[in-house]
Amino acid sequence: MGLFARARKYDGWLATAFGREGVSAVVVERPADGLPRVLCSSYQAAERPASAEVLEKLGKELQAAARHCSTVLAGGEYQLLSLEAPAVPREELKTAVGWRLKDMLDFPLAEATIDVFDIPGDPNGTQRGSSVFAVAARNSAVSRRQGLYGVCKIGLSVIDIPEMAQRNIATLLETPGRGIAVLSFDGDGGLLTMSFNGELYQARRIDVTLPQLHSPDASQYYDRVTLELQRSFDHFDRQFHFISLSRLMLMTGASDGLHGYLADNLYMPVERLDLNQVFDFSRVAALREPDMQARYFLALGAALREGGMLPGKSEGKGA
């Protein structure tokens, strides 16, 4: 712990997201007032799993040795499950949740790194905080990512998940007193999150990828996405009746066919997600473009972190 943390750290976070076709990295600082400012960015094309050479090149380009660094796990490297919170002291929560997950995971519990965070209850109800999200990551995936940073001598503070990165962006888009849904796509598929007051309440994966939505026959996938959204919103309304979703924000890059289809077939407003609304891209003008925003979406969200999920290897534990 602290092996690579002796140098003075600049403000802001350097976050990396490992996609199917490459690794995106950004540095974002949060000024006391004004929008989060993107200081620099870089992308390296690489097949998964990315090599140390790819990360080392990104690290040198973005001065990783002088940054607080986080990374985002890929979709197949963890499971996110919601369950009733065990009635145990807080310090025993992870252990108790682990035993409940034993028969719910698609890999052995002994091979899992587990973290837990609350799903807040109805603030006007009698029960509060009765449910939790459990993140169960494969030890091999966590160790592989830690080892990659260790080989490159880059201090890794936090290992995050896409749902929390997307939640971070959703928080900047919220209407006071209303919940918000965000739907994004990448090479791993679609990710729908629903959040309220800066808290994640529900997340769903959709088996449609960004390349499919950009293909000539993209329209064949629209019904599948719409059906999954309708089911998810119905479930959300039943489970969290005290939250009213104001709109669905859609991140697909420059592709706009899905937007029109969803706007015609969903009961709530559907808007294209333009990150120019919530980030200052004055230093990285390329990120003003929709396709570039889609490429860097998870890295940008992870760089907004204030807490953390799984601890990294070299700089201590996240919140």
C-alpha atoms as a PDB file:
ATOM      1  CA  MET A   1       0.000   0.000   0.000  1.00  0.00           C
ATOM      2  CA  GLY A   2       1.366   3.398  -0.974  1.00  0.00           C
ATOM      3  CA  LEU A   3       4.185   1.888  -3.036  1.00  0.00           C
ATOM      4  CA  PHE A   4       3.737   4.382  -5.877  1.00  0.00           C
ATOM      5  CA  ALA A   5       2.230   7.239  -3.870  1.00  0.00           C
ATOM      6  CA  ARG A   6       5.270   9.249  -2.809  1.00  0.00           C
ATOM      7  CA  ALA A   7       5.131  11.859  -5.555  1.00  0.00           C
ATOM      8  CA  ARG A   8       2.895  14.880  -5.150  1.00  0.00           C
ATOM      9  CA  LYS A   9      -0.473  14.289  -6.777  1.00  0.00           C
ATOM     10  CA  TYR A  10      -2.177  16.828  -9.004  1.00  0.00           C
ATOM     11  CA  ASP A  11      -5.843  17.648  -8.486  1.00  0.00           C
ATOM     12  CA  GLY A  12      -8.390  15.616 -10.409  1.00  0.00           C
ATOM     13  CA  TRP A  13      -8.660  11.966 -11.381  1.00  0.00           C
ATOM     14  CA  LEU A  14      -7.213   9.960 -14.250  1.00  0.00           C
ATOM     15  CA  ALA A  15      -9.753   7.279 -15.132  1.00  0.00           C
ATOM     16  CA  THR A  16      -9.389   4.449 -17.640  1.00  0.00           C
ATOM     17  CA  ALA A  17     -12.089   2.278 -19.215  1.00  0.00           C
ATOM     18  CA  PHE A  18     -11.125  -0.927 -21.038  1.00  0.00           C
ATOM     19  CA  GLY A  19     -13.457  -1.568 -23.973  1.00  0.00           C
ATOM     20  CA  ARG A  20     -13.598  -4.384 -26.502  1.00  0.00           C
ATOM     21  CA  GLU A  21     -11.700  -2.362 -29.087  1.00  0.00           C
ATOM     22  CA  GLY A  22      -9.474  -0.110 -27.003  1.00  0.00           C
ATOM     23  CA  VAL A  23      -8.708   1.754 -23.793  1.00  0.00           C
ATOM     24  CA  SER A  24      -9.970   5.287 -23.158  1.00  0.00           C
ATOM     25  CA  ALA A  25      -8.456   7.547 -20.518  1.00  0.00           C
ATOM     26  CA  VAL A  26      -9.316  11.045 -19.297  1.00  0.00           C
ATOM     27  CA  VAL A  27      -8.209  13.439 -16.591  1.00  0.00           C
ATOM     28  CA  VAL A  28     -11.003  15.462 -14.978  1.00  0.00           C
ATOM     29  CA  GLU A  29     -10.802  18.042 -12.218  1.00  0.00           C
ATOM     30  CA  ARG A  30     -13.742  19.359 -10.186  1.00  0.00           C
ATOM     31  CA  PRO A  31     -13.432  23.122  -9.599  1.00  0.00           C
ATOM     32  CA  ALA A  32     -15.261  24.653  -6.650  1.00  0.00           C
ATOM     33  CA  ASP A  33     -17.632  26.318  -9.093  1.00  0.00           C
ATOM     34  CA  GLY A  34     -18.363  25.671 -12.744  1.00  0.00           C
ATOM     35  CA  LEU A  35     -18.509  22.459 -14.754  1.00  0.00           C
ATOM     36  CA  PRO A  36     -16.097  19.538 -14.289  1.00  0.00           C
ATOM     37  CA  ARG A  37     -13.111  20.315 -16.507  1.00  0.00           C
ATOM     38  CA  VAL A  38     -11.556  17.707 -18.793  1.00  0.00           C
ATOM     39  CA  LEU A  39      -7.829  18.442 -18.828  1.00  0.00           C
ATOM     40  CA  CYS A  40      -6.667  15.806 -21.318  1.00  0.00           C
ATOM     41  CA  SER A  41      -7.661  12.524 -22.913  1.00  0.00           C
ATOM     42  CA  SER A  42      -6.185   9.651 -24.867  1.00  0.00           C
ATOM     43  CA  TYR A  43      -7.371   6.501 -26.596  1.00  0.00           C
ATOM     44  CA  GLN A  44      -5.365   3.429 -27.563  1.00  0.00           C
ATOM     45  CA  ALA A  45      -6.836   0.828 -29.890  1.00  0.00           C
ATOM     46  CA  ALA A  46      -6.294  -2.630 -28.389  1.00  0.00           C
ATOM     47  CA  GLU A  47      -8.071  -5.941 -28.195  1.00  0.00           C
ATOM     48  CA  ARG A  48      -9.158  -7.102 -24.747  1.00  0.00           C
ATOM     49  CA  PRO A  49      -7.273  -7.862 -22.574  1.00  0.00           C
ATOM     50  CA  ALA A  50      -5.101  -4.810 -23.143  1.00  0.00           C
ATOM     51  CA  SER A  51      -1.373  -5.195 -22.696  1.00  0.00           C
ATOM     52  CA  ALA A  52       0.885  -3.379 -20.249  1.00  0.00           C
ATOM     53  CA  GLU A  53       2.427  -1.524 -23.195  1.00  0.00           C
ATOM     54  CA  VAL A  54      -0.962   0.064 -23.980  1.00  0.00           C
ATOM     55  CA  LEU A  55      -1.507   1.234 -20.403  1.00  0.00           C
ATOM     56  CA  GLU A  56       2.094   2.400 -20.064  1.00  0.00           C
ATOM     57  CA  LYS A  57       1.730   4.560 -23.178  1.00  0.00           C
ATOM     58  CA  LEU A  58      -1.469   6.120 -21.832  1.00  0.00           C
ATOM     59  CA  GLY A  59       0.146   6.639 -18.438  1.00  0.00           C
ATOM     60  CA  LYS A  60       3.129   8.506 -19.848  1.00  0.00           C
ATOM     61  CA  GLU A  61       0.941  10.652 -22.087  1.00  0.00           C
ATOM     62  CA  LEU A  62      -1.391  11.698 -19.255  1.00  0.00           C
ATOM     63  CA  GLN A  63       1.232  11.896 -16.464  1.00  0.00           C
ATOM     64  CA  ALA A  64      -0.293   9.030 -14.503  1.00  0.00           C
ATOM     65  CA  ALA A  65       2.525   9.025 -11.932  1.00  0.00           C
ATOM     66  CA  ALA A  66       1.297  12.405 -10.697  1.00  0.00           C
ATOM     67  CA  ARG A  67      -2.430  11.577 -10.777  1.00  0.00           C
ATOM     68  CA  HIS A  68      -4.977   9.851  -8.598  1.00  0.00           C
ATOM     69  CA  CYS A  69      -5.969   6.911 -10.793  1.00  0.00           C
ATOM     70  CA  SER A  70      -9.091   4.796 -11.113  1.00  0.00           C
ATOM     71  CA  THR A  71     -10.226   2.163 -13.576  1.00  0.00           C
ATOM     72  CA  VAL A  72     -13.533   0.571 -14.597  1.00  0.00           C
ATOM     73  CA  LEU A  73     -14.150  -3.161 -14.791  1.00  0.00           C
ATOM     74  CA  ALA A  74     -15.645  -4.600 -17.968  1.00  0.00           C
ATOM     75  CA  GLY A  75     -19.150  -6.053 -17.945  1.00  0.00           C
ATOM     76  CA  GLY A  76     -18.124  -9.720 -17.779  1.00  0.00           C
ATOM     77  CA  GLU A  77     -15.707  -9.264 -14.881  1.00  0.00           C
ATOM     78  CA  TYR A  78     -18.267  -8.780 -12.083  1.00  0.00           C
ATOM     79  CA  GLN A  79     -21.918  -9.170 -11.128  1.00  0.00           C
ATOM     80  CA  LEU A  80     -24.157  -6.486  -9.619  1.00  0.00           C
ATOM     81  CA  LEU A  81     -27.077  -7.831  -7.592  1.00  0.00           C
ATOM     82  CA  SER A  82     -29.722  -6.191  -5.419  1.00  0.00           C
ATOM     83  CA  LEU A  83     -30.954  -7.958  -2.292  1.00  0.00           C
ATOM     84  CA  GLU A  84     -32.534  -7.340   1.067  1.00  0.00           C
ATOM     85  CA  ALA A  85     -30.039  -5.942   3.550  1.00  0.00           C
ATOM     86  CA  PRO A  86     -29.064  -8.486   6.241  1.00  0.00           C
ATOM     87  CA  ALA A  87     -29.914  -7.427   9.794  1.00  0.00           C
ATOM     88  CA  VAL A  88     -26.298  -7.336  11.003  1.00  0.00           C
ATOM     89  CA  PRO A  89     -23.899  -4.621  12.255  1.00  0.00           C
ATOM     90  CA  ARG A  90     -22.326  -2.545   9.500  1.00  0.00           C
ATOM     91  CA  GLU A  91     -18.892  -4.062   9.999  1.00  0.00           C
ATOM     92  CA  GLU A  92     -20.356  -7.524   9.333  1.00  0.00           C
ATOM     93  CA  LEU A  93     -22.381  -6.518   6.274  1.00  0.00           C
ATOM     94  CA  LYS A  94     -19.971  -7.660   3.552  1.00  0.00           C
ATOM     95  CA  THR A  95     -19.543 -11.081   5.141  1.00  0.00           C
ATOM     96  CA  ALA A  96     -23.289 -11.567   5.564  1.00  0.00           C
ATOM     97  CA  VAL A  97     -23.986 -10.440   2.012  1.00  0.00           C
ATOM     98  CA  GLY A  98     -21.297 -12.800   0.758  1.00  0.00           C
ATOM     99  CA  TRP A  99     -23.089 -15.799   2.231  1.00  0.00           C
ATOM    100  CA  ARG A 100     -26.353 -14.718   0.615  1.00  0.00           C
ATOM    101  CA  LEU A 101     -24.618 -14.406  -2.728  1.00  0.00           C
ATOM    102  CA  LYS A 102     -23.207 -17.931  -2.539  1.00  0.00           C
ATOM    103  CA  ASP A 103     -25.966 -19.458  -4.691  1.00  0.00           C
ATOM    104  CA  MET A 104     -26.537 -16.371  -6.856  1.00  0.00           C
ATOM    105  CA  LEU A 105     -23.116 -16.032  -8.467  1.00  0.00           C
ATOM    106  CA  ASP A 106     -22.000 -17.745 -11.654  1.00  0.00           C
ATOM    107  CA  PHE A 107     -18.593 -18.392 -10.061  1.00  0.00           C
ATOM    108  CA  PRO A 108     -17.542 -19.688  -6.597  1.00  0.00           C
ATOM    109  CA  LEU A 109     -17.847 -17.316  -3.648  1.00  0.00           C
ATOM    110  CA  ALA A 110     -14.233 -18.100  -2.660  1.00  0.00           C
ATOM    111  CA  GLU A 111     -13.153 -16.510  -5.954  1.00  0.00           C
ATOM    112  CA  ALA A 112     -15.057 -13.256  -5.374  1.00  0.00           C
ATOM    113  CA  THR A 113     -14.115  -9.796  -4.150  1.00  0.00           C
ATOM    114  CA  ILE A 114     -17.263  -8.236  -2.685  1.00  0.00           C
ATOM    115  CA  ASP A 115     -18.366  -4.678  -2.009  1.00  0.00           C
ATOM    116  CA  VAL A 116     -21.750  -3.390  -0.834  1.00  0.00           C
ATOM    117  CA  PHE A 117     -23.607  -0.091  -1.080  1.00  0.00           C
ATOM    118  CA  ASP A 118     -27.053   0.986   0.071  1.00  0.00           C
ATOM    119  CA  ILE A 119     -30.220   1.454  -1.953  1.00  0.00           C
ATOM    120  CA  PRO A 120     -32.015   4.212   0.013  1.00  0.00           C
ATOM    121  CA  GLY A 121     -35.652   3.571   0.905  1.00  0.00           C
ATOM    122  CA  ASP A 122     -38.661   5.871   0.783  1.00  0.00           C
ATOM    123  CA  PRO A 123     -37.719   8.946   2.886  1.00  0.00           C
ATOM    124  CA  ASN A 124     -41.383   9.262   3.894  1.00  0.00           C
ATOM    125  CA  GLY A 125     -41.833   5.560   4.641  1.00  0.00           C
ATOM    126  CA  THR A 126     -41.268   3.487   7.765  1.00  0.00           C
ATOM    127  CA  GLN A 127     -38.468   1.372   6.281  1.00  0.00           C
ATOM    128  CA  ARG A 128     -35.224   2.965   5.176  1.00  0.00           C
ATOM    129  CA  GLY A 129     -32.151   1.455   3.630  1.00  0.00           C
ATOM    130  CA  SER A 130     -33.695  -2.056   3.590  1.00  0.00           C
ATOM    131  CA  SER A 131     -32.005  -3.054   0.324  1.00  0.00           C
ATOM    132  CA  VAL A 132     -28.413  -3.064  -0.892  1.00  0.00           C
ATOM    133  CA  PHE A 133     -26.448  -3.543  -4.075  1.00  0.00           C
ATOM    134  CA  ALA A 134     -23.734  -6.170  -3.912  1.00  0.00           C
ATOM    135  CA  VAL A 135     -20.809  -6.042  -6.327  1.00  0.00           C
ATOM    136  CA  ALA A 136     -19.080  -9.375  -6.742  1.00  0.00           C
ATOM    137  CA  ALA A 137     -15.968  -9.220  -8.919  1.00  0.00           C
ATOM    138  CA  ARG A 138     -13.861 -12.172  -9.875  1.00  0.00           C
ATOM    139  CA  ASN A 139     -10.627 -12.173  -7.889  1.00  0.00           C
ATOM    140  CA  SER A 140      -8.787 -12.992 -11.092  1.00  0.00           C
ATOM    141  CA  ALA A 141     -10.188  -9.885 -12.822  1.00  0.00           C
ATOM    142  CA  VAL A 142      -9.292  -7.632  -9.892  1.00  0.00           C
ATOM    143  CA  SER A 143      -5.807  -9.118  -9.558  1.00  0.00           C
ATOM    144  CA  ARG A 144      -5.214  -8.867 -13.295  1.00  0.00           C
ATOM    145  CA  ARG A 145      -6.135  -5.188 -13.334  1.00  0.00           C
ATOM    146  CA  GLN A 146      -4.063  -4.448 -10.218  1.00  0.00           C
ATOM    147  CA  GLY A 147      -1.144  -6.350 -11.703  1.00  0.00           C
ATOM    148  CA  LEU A 148      -1.355  -4.425 -14.963  1.00  0.00           C
ATOM    149  CA  TYR A 149      -1.055  -1.122 -13.112  1.00  0.00           C
ATOM    150  CA  GLY A 150       1.696  -2.509 -10.920  1.00  0.00           C
ATOM    151  CA  VAL A 151       3.792  -3.558 -13.922  1.00  0.00           C
ATOM    152  CA  CYS A 152       3.395  -0.044 -15.342  1.00  0.00           C
ATOM    153  CA  LYS A 153       4.243   1.487 -11.949  1.00  0.00           C
ATOM    154  CA  ILE A 154       0.975   3.453 -11.920  1.00  0.00           C
ATOM    155  CA  GLY A 155      -0.652   3.882  -8.519  1.00  0.00           C
ATOM    156  CA  LEU A 156      -4.235   2.572  -8.628  1.00  0.00           C
ATOM    157  CA  SER A 157      -6.582   3.969  -5.983  1.00  0.00           C
ATOM    158  CA  VAL A 158      -9.987   2.603  -6.985  1.00  0.00           C
ATOM    159  CA  ILE A 159     -11.510  -0.078  -9.194  1.00  0.00           C
ATOM    160  CA  ASP A 160     -15.019   0.989 -10.170  1.00  0.00           C
ATOM    161  CA  ILE A 161     -17.920  -0.473 -12.148  1.00  0.00           C
ATOM    162  CA  PRO A 162     -19.771   0.986 -15.157  1.00  0.00           C
ATOM    163  CA  GLU A 163     -23.035   1.426 -13.246  1.00  0.00           C
ATOM    164  CA  MET A 164     -21.403   3.818 -10.792  1.00  0.00           C
ATOM    165  CA  ALA A 165     -19.560   5.705 -13.522  1.00  0.00           C
ATOM    166  CA  GLN A 166     -22.853   6.223 -15.354  1.00  0.00           C
ATOM    167  CA  ARG A 167     -24.545   7.223 -12.090  1.00  0.00           C
ATOM    168  CA  ASN A 168     -21.916   9.939 -11.638  1.00  0.00           C
ATOM    169  CA  ILE A 169     -22.905  11.519 -14.951  1.00  0.00           C
ATOM    170  CA  ALA A 170     -26.617  11.087 -14.233  1.00  0.00           C
ATOM    171  CA  THR A 171     -26.182  13.065 -11.005  1.00  0.00           C
ATOM    172  CA  LEU A 172     -25.110  16.105 -13.040  1.00  0.00           C
ATOM    173  CA  LEU A 173     -28.276  15.839 -15.148  1.00  0.00           C
ATOM    174  CA  GLU A 174     -30.884  15.391 -12.420  1.00  0.00           C
ATOM    175  CA  THR A 175     -33.936  17.609 -12.035  1.00  0.00           C
ATOM    176  CA  PRO A 176     -34.428  18.408  -8.324  1.00  0.00           C
ATOM    177  CA  GLY A 177     -37.031  16.121  -6.789  1.00  0.00           C
ATOM    178  CA  ARG A 178     -37.164  13.814  -9.819  1.00  0.00           C
ATOM    179  CA  GLY A 179     -35.339  10.668 -10.812  1.00  0.00           C
ATOM    180  CA  ILE A 180     -33.499  10.195 -14.105  1.00  0.00           C
ATOM    181  CA  ALA A 181     -32.850   7.259 -16.407  1.00  0.00           C
ATOM    182  CA  VAL A 182     -29.692   7.056 -18.519  1.00  0.00           C
ATOM    183  CA  LEU A 183     -29.128   4.550 -21.316  1.00  0.00           C
ATOM    184  CA  SER A 184     -25.702   4.131 -22.919  1.00  0.00           C
ATOM    185  CA  PHE A 185     -24.177   1.619 -25.320  1.00  0.00           C
ATOM    186  CA  ASP A 186     -20.661   0.345 -25.953  1.00  0.00           C
ATOM    187  CA  GLY A 187     -19.024  -2.793 -27.291  1.00  0.00           C
ATOM    188  CA  ASP A 188     -20.295  -4.815 -24.299  1.00  0.00           C
ATOM    189  CA  GLY A 189     -23.952  -3.846 -24.794  1.00  0.00           C
ATOM    190  CA  GLY A 190     -26.449  -1.408 -23.345  1.00  0.00           C
ATOM    191  CA  LEU A 191     -26.522  -0.156 -19.767  1.00  0.00           C
ATOM    192  CA  LEU A 192     -29.645   1.373 -18.232  1.00  0.00           C
ATOM    193  CA  THR A 193     -29.400   3.098 -14.850  1.00  0.00           C
ATOM    194  CA  MET A 194     -32.079   4.828 -12.814  1.00  0.00           C
ATOM    195  CA  SER A 195     -30.990   7.189 -10.080  1.00  0.00           C
ATOM    196  CA  PHE A 196     -32.407   9.780  -7.706  1.00  0.00           C
ATOM    197  CA  ASN A 197     -30.735  12.335  -5.447  1.00  0.00           C
ATOM    198  CA  GLY A 198     -27.333  11.104  -6.578  1.00  0.00           C
ATOM    199  CA  GLU A 199     -28.061   7.485  -5.610  1.00  0.00           C
ATOM    200  CA  LEU A 200     -28.265   4.460  -7.898  1.00  0.00           C
ATOM    201  CA  TYR A 201     -31.570   2.616  -7.493  1.00  0.00           C
ATOM    202  CA  GLN A 202     -31.697   0.219 -10.417  1.00  0.00           C
ATOM    203  CA  ALA A 203     -29.473  -1.007 -13.247  1.00  0.00           C
ATOM    204  CA  ARG A 204     -30.128  -3.298 -16.198  1.00  0.00           C
ATOM    205  CA  ARG A 205     -27.981  -4.702 -18.991  1.00  0.00           C
ATOM    206  CA  ILE A 206     -29.368  -4.840 -22.542  1.00  0.00           C
ATOM    207  CA  ASP A 207     -27.910  -7.278 -25.075  1.00  0.00           C
ATOM    208  CA  VAL A 208     -27.473  -4.771 -27.910  1.00  0.00           C
ATOM    209  CA  THR A 209     -24.063  -3.273 -28.684  1.00  0.00           C
ATOM    210  CA  LEU A 210     -23.054   0.143 -29.988  1.00  0.00           C
ATOM    211  CA  PRO A 211     -21.628  -1.338 -33.225  1.00  0.00           C
ATOM    212  CA  GLN A 212     -25.017  -2.974 -33.848  1.00  0.00           C
ATOM    213  CA  LEU A 213     -26.773   0.381 -33.443  1.00  0.00           C
ATOM    214  CA  HIS A 214     -24.332   1.924 -35.916  1.00  0.00           C
ATOM    215  CA  SER A 215     -24.770  -0.873 -38.471  1.00  0.00           C
ATOM    216  CA  PRO A 216     -26.912  -0.614 -41.659  1.00  0.00           C
ATOM    217  CA  ASP A 217     -29.541  -2.938 -40.117  1.00  0.00           C
ATOM    218  CA  ALA A 218     -29.694  -1.116 -36.769  1.00  0.00           C
ATOM    219  CA  SER A 219     -33.498  -0.810 -36.855  1.00  0.00           C
ATOM    220  CA  GLN A 220     -33.915  -4.544 -36.162  1.00  0.00           C
ATOM    221  CA  TYR A 221     -32.623  -3.960 -32.629  1.00  0.00           C
ATOM    222  CA  TYR A 222     -34.976  -1.111 -31.731  1.00  0.00           C
ATOM    223  CA  ASP A 223     -37.877  -3.333 -30.631  1.00  0.00           C
ATOM    224  CA  ARG A 224     -35.592  -5.339 -28.342  1.00  0.00           C
ATOM    225  CA  VAL A 225     -34.284  -2.193 -26.648  1.00  0.00           C
ATOM    226  CA  THR A 226     -37.783  -0.738 -26.300  1.00  0.00           C
ATOM    227  CA  LEU A 227     -39.191  -3.909 -24.722  1.00  0.00           C
ATOM    228  CA  GLU A 228     -36.351  -4.088 -22.211  1.00  0.00           C
ATOM    229  CA  LEU A 229     -36.881  -0.437 -21.280  1.00  0.00           C
ATOM    230  CA  GLN A 230     -40.633  -0.870 -20.810  1.00  0.00           C
ATOM    231  CA  ARG A 231     -40.105  -3.892 -18.561  1.00  0.00           C
ATOM    232  CA  SER A 232     -37.443  -2.092 -16.557  1.00  0.00           C
ATOM    233  CA  PHE A 233     -39.541   1.045 -16.065  1.00  0.00           C
ATOM    234  CA  ASP A 234     -42.574  -1.014 -14.996  1.00  0.00           C
ATOM    235  CA  HIS A 235     -40.442  -2.858 -12.431  1.00  0.00           C
ATOM    236  CA  PHE A 236     -38.948   0.409 -11.209  1.00  0.00           C
ATOM    237  CA  ASP A 237     -42.393   1.992 -10.766  1.00  0.00           C
ATOM    238  CA  ARG A 238     -43.561  -0.960  -8.675  1.00  0.00           C
ATOM    239  CA  GLN A 239     -40.455  -1.130  -6.506  1.00  0.00           C
ATOM    240  CA  PHE A 240     -39.757   2.609  -6.116  1.00  0.00           C
ATOM    241  CA  HIS A 241     -43.186   4.205  -6.324  1.00  0.00           C
ATOM    242  CA  PHE A 242     -41.928   7.261  -4.464  1.00  0.00           C
ATOM    243  CA  ILE A 243     -39.615   8.235  -7.362  1.00  0.00           C
ATOM    244  CA  SER A 244     -40.924   9.847 -10.529  1.00  0.00           C
ATOM    245  CA  LEU A 245     -38.545   9.599 -13.491  1.00  0.00           C
ATOM    246  CA  SER A 246     -38.349  12.903 -15.379  1.00  0.00           C
ATOM    247  CA  ARG A 247     -36.778  11.632 -18.628  1.00  0.00           C
ATOM    248  CA  LEU A 248     -34.564   9.114 -20.360  1.00  0.00           C
ATOM    249  CA  MET A 249     -31.165  10.394 -21.498  1.00  0.00           C
ATOM    250  CA  LEU A 250     -29.714   8.409 -24.412  1.00  0.00           C
ATOM    251  CA  MET A 251     -26.006   8.094 -25.255  1.00  0.00           C
ATOM    252  CA  THR A 252     -25.399   6.412 -28.621  1.00  0.00           C
ATOM    253  CA  GLY A 253     -22.898   8.723 -30.282  1.00  0.00           C
ATOM    254  CA  ALA A 254     -23.936  10.230 -33.598  1.00  0.00           C
ATOM    255  CA  SER A 255     -26.571   7.540 -34.272  1.00  0.00           C
ATOM    256  CA  ASP A 256     -30.038   9.065 -33.865  1.00  0.00           C
ATOM    257  CA  GLY A 257     -32.416   6.399 -35.259  1.00  0.00           C
ATOM    258  CA  LEU A 258     -32.961   4.786 -31.860  1.00  0.00           C
ATOM    259  CA  HIS A 259     -33.736   8.156 -30.301  1.00  0.00           C
ATOM    260  CA  GLY A 260     -36.660   8.786 -32.615  1.00  0.00           C
ATOM    261  CA  TYR A 261     -37.993   5.253 -32.157  1.00  0.00           C
ATOM    262  CA  LEU A 262     -37.883   5.456 -28.377  1.00  0.00           C
ATOM    263  CA  ALA A 263     -39.442   8.920 -28.354  1.00  0.00           C
ATOM    264  CA  ASP A 264     -42.401   7.502 -30.311  1.00  0.00           C
ATOM    265  CA  ASN A 265     -42.819   4.386 -28.191  1.00  0.00           C
ATOM    266  CA  LEU A 266     -42.089   5.340 -24.564  1.00  0.00           C
ATOM    267  CA  TYR A 267     -44.334   7.292 -22.229  1.00  0.00           C
ATOM    268  CA  MET A 268     -41.553   9.506 -20.876  1.00  0.00           C
ATOM    269  CA  PRO A 269     -39.494  12.190 -22.669  1.00  0.00           C
ATOM    270  CA  VAL A 270     -36.395  10.834 -24.418  1.00  0.00           C
ATOM    271  CA  GLU A 271     -33.452  13.177 -24.961  1.00  0.00           C
ATOM    272  CA  ARG A 272     -30.044  12.728 -26.585  1.00  0.00           C
ATOM    273  CA  LEU A 273     -27.321  12.971 -23.975  1.00  0.00           C
ATOM    274  CA  ASP A 274     -24.946  15.782 -24.874  1.00  0.00           C
ATOM    275  CA  LEU A 275     -22.054  15.877 -22.416  1.00  0.00           C
ATOM    276  CA  ASN A 276     -21.344  19.491 -23.385  1.00  0.00           C
ATOM    277  CA  GLN A 277     -24.131  20.273 -20.918  1.00  0.00           C
ATOM    278  CA  VAL A 278     -22.211  18.929 -17.944  1.00  0.00           C
ATOM    279  CA  PHE A 279     -18.477  19.034 -18.825  1.00  0.00           C
ATOM    280  CA  ASP A 280     -16.069  21.787 -19.790  1.00  0.00           C
ATOM    281  CA  PHE A 281     -14.339  20.481 -22.939  1.00  0.00           C
ATOM    282  CA  SER A 282     -12.501  23.714 -23.725  1.00  0.00           C
ATOM    283  CA  ARG A 283      -9.101  21.963 -23.379  1.00  0.00           C
ATOM    284  CA  VAL A 284     -10.122  18.846 -25.300  1.00  0.00           C
ATOM    285  CA  ALA A 285     -12.253  20.092 -28.178  1.00  0.00           C
ATOM    286  CA  ALA A 286     -12.524  16.646 -29.780  1.00  0.00           C
ATOM    287  CA  LEU A 287     -14.783  15.496 -26.939  1.00  0.00           C
ATOM    288  CA  ARG A 288     -17.455  17.941 -28.026  1.00  0.00           C
ATOM    289  CA  GLU A 289     -18.348  15.477 -30.793  1.00  0.00           C
ATOM    290  CA  PRO A 290     -21.073  12.833 -30.089  1.00  0.00           C
ATOM    291  CA  ASP A 291     -19.052   9.803 -31.243  1.00  0.00           C
ATOM    292  CA  MET A 292     -16.098  10.810 -29.095  1.00  0.00           C
ATOM    293  CA  GLN A 293     -18.366  11.301 -26.082  1.00  0.00           C
ATOM    294  CA  ALA A 294     -19.681   7.755 -26.536  1.00  0.00           C
ATOM    295  CA  ARG A 295     -16.120   6.403 -26.734  1.00  0.00           C
ATOM    296  CA  TYR A 296     -15.030   8.133 -23.522  1.00  0.00           C
ATOM    297  CA  PHE A 297     -18.355   7.915 -21.683  1.00  0.00           C
ATOM    298  CA  LEU A 298     -17.407   5.460 -18.921  1.00  0.00           C
ATOM    299  CA  ALA A 299     -13.971   6.992 -18.390  1.00  0.00           C
ATOM    300  CA  LEU A 300     -15.559  10.428 -17.988  1.00  0.00           C
ATOM    301  CA  GLY A 301     -18.048   9.065 -15.486  1.00  0.00           C
ATOM    302  CA  ALA A 302     -15.379   7.256 -13.482  1.00  0.00           C
ATOM    303  CA  ALA A 303     -13.264  10.434 -13.357  1.00  0.00           C
ATOM    304  CA  LEU A 304     -16.128  12.199 -11.550  1.00  0.00           C
ATOM    305  CA  ARG A 305     -15.844   9.879  -8.577  1.00  0.00           C
ATOM    306  CA  GLU A 306     -16.142  11.153  -5.026  1.00  0.00           C
ATOM    307  CA  GLY A 307     -16.378   7.781  -3.307  1.00  0.00           C
ATOM    308  CA  GLY A 308     -15.230   4.443  -4.650  1.00  0.00           C
ATOM    309  CA  MET A 309     -15.987   0.775  -5.024  1.00  0.00           C
ATOM    310  CA  LEU A 310     -13.274  -1.868  -4.818  1.00  0.00           C
ATOM    311  CA  PRO A 311      -9.894  -0.697  -3.496  1.00  0.00           C
ATOM    312  CA  GLY A 312      -6.903  -0.521  -5.799  1.00  0.00           C
ATOM    313  CA  LYS A 313      -3.597  -2.062  -4.823  1.00  0.00           C
ATOM    314  CA  SER A 314      -1.268   0.837  -4.261  1.00  0.00           C
ATOM    315  CA  GLU A 315      -2.985   3.819  -2.700  1.00  0.00           C
ATOM    316  CA  GLY A 316      -5.348   2.619  -0.036  1.00  0.00           C
ATOM    317  CA  LYS A 317      -9.028   1.932   0.052  1.00  0.00           C
ATOM    318  CA  GLY A 318     -11.865   3.815  -1.654  1.00  0.00           C
ATOM    319  CA  ALA A 319     -14.885   5.009   0.256  1.00  0.00           C
END
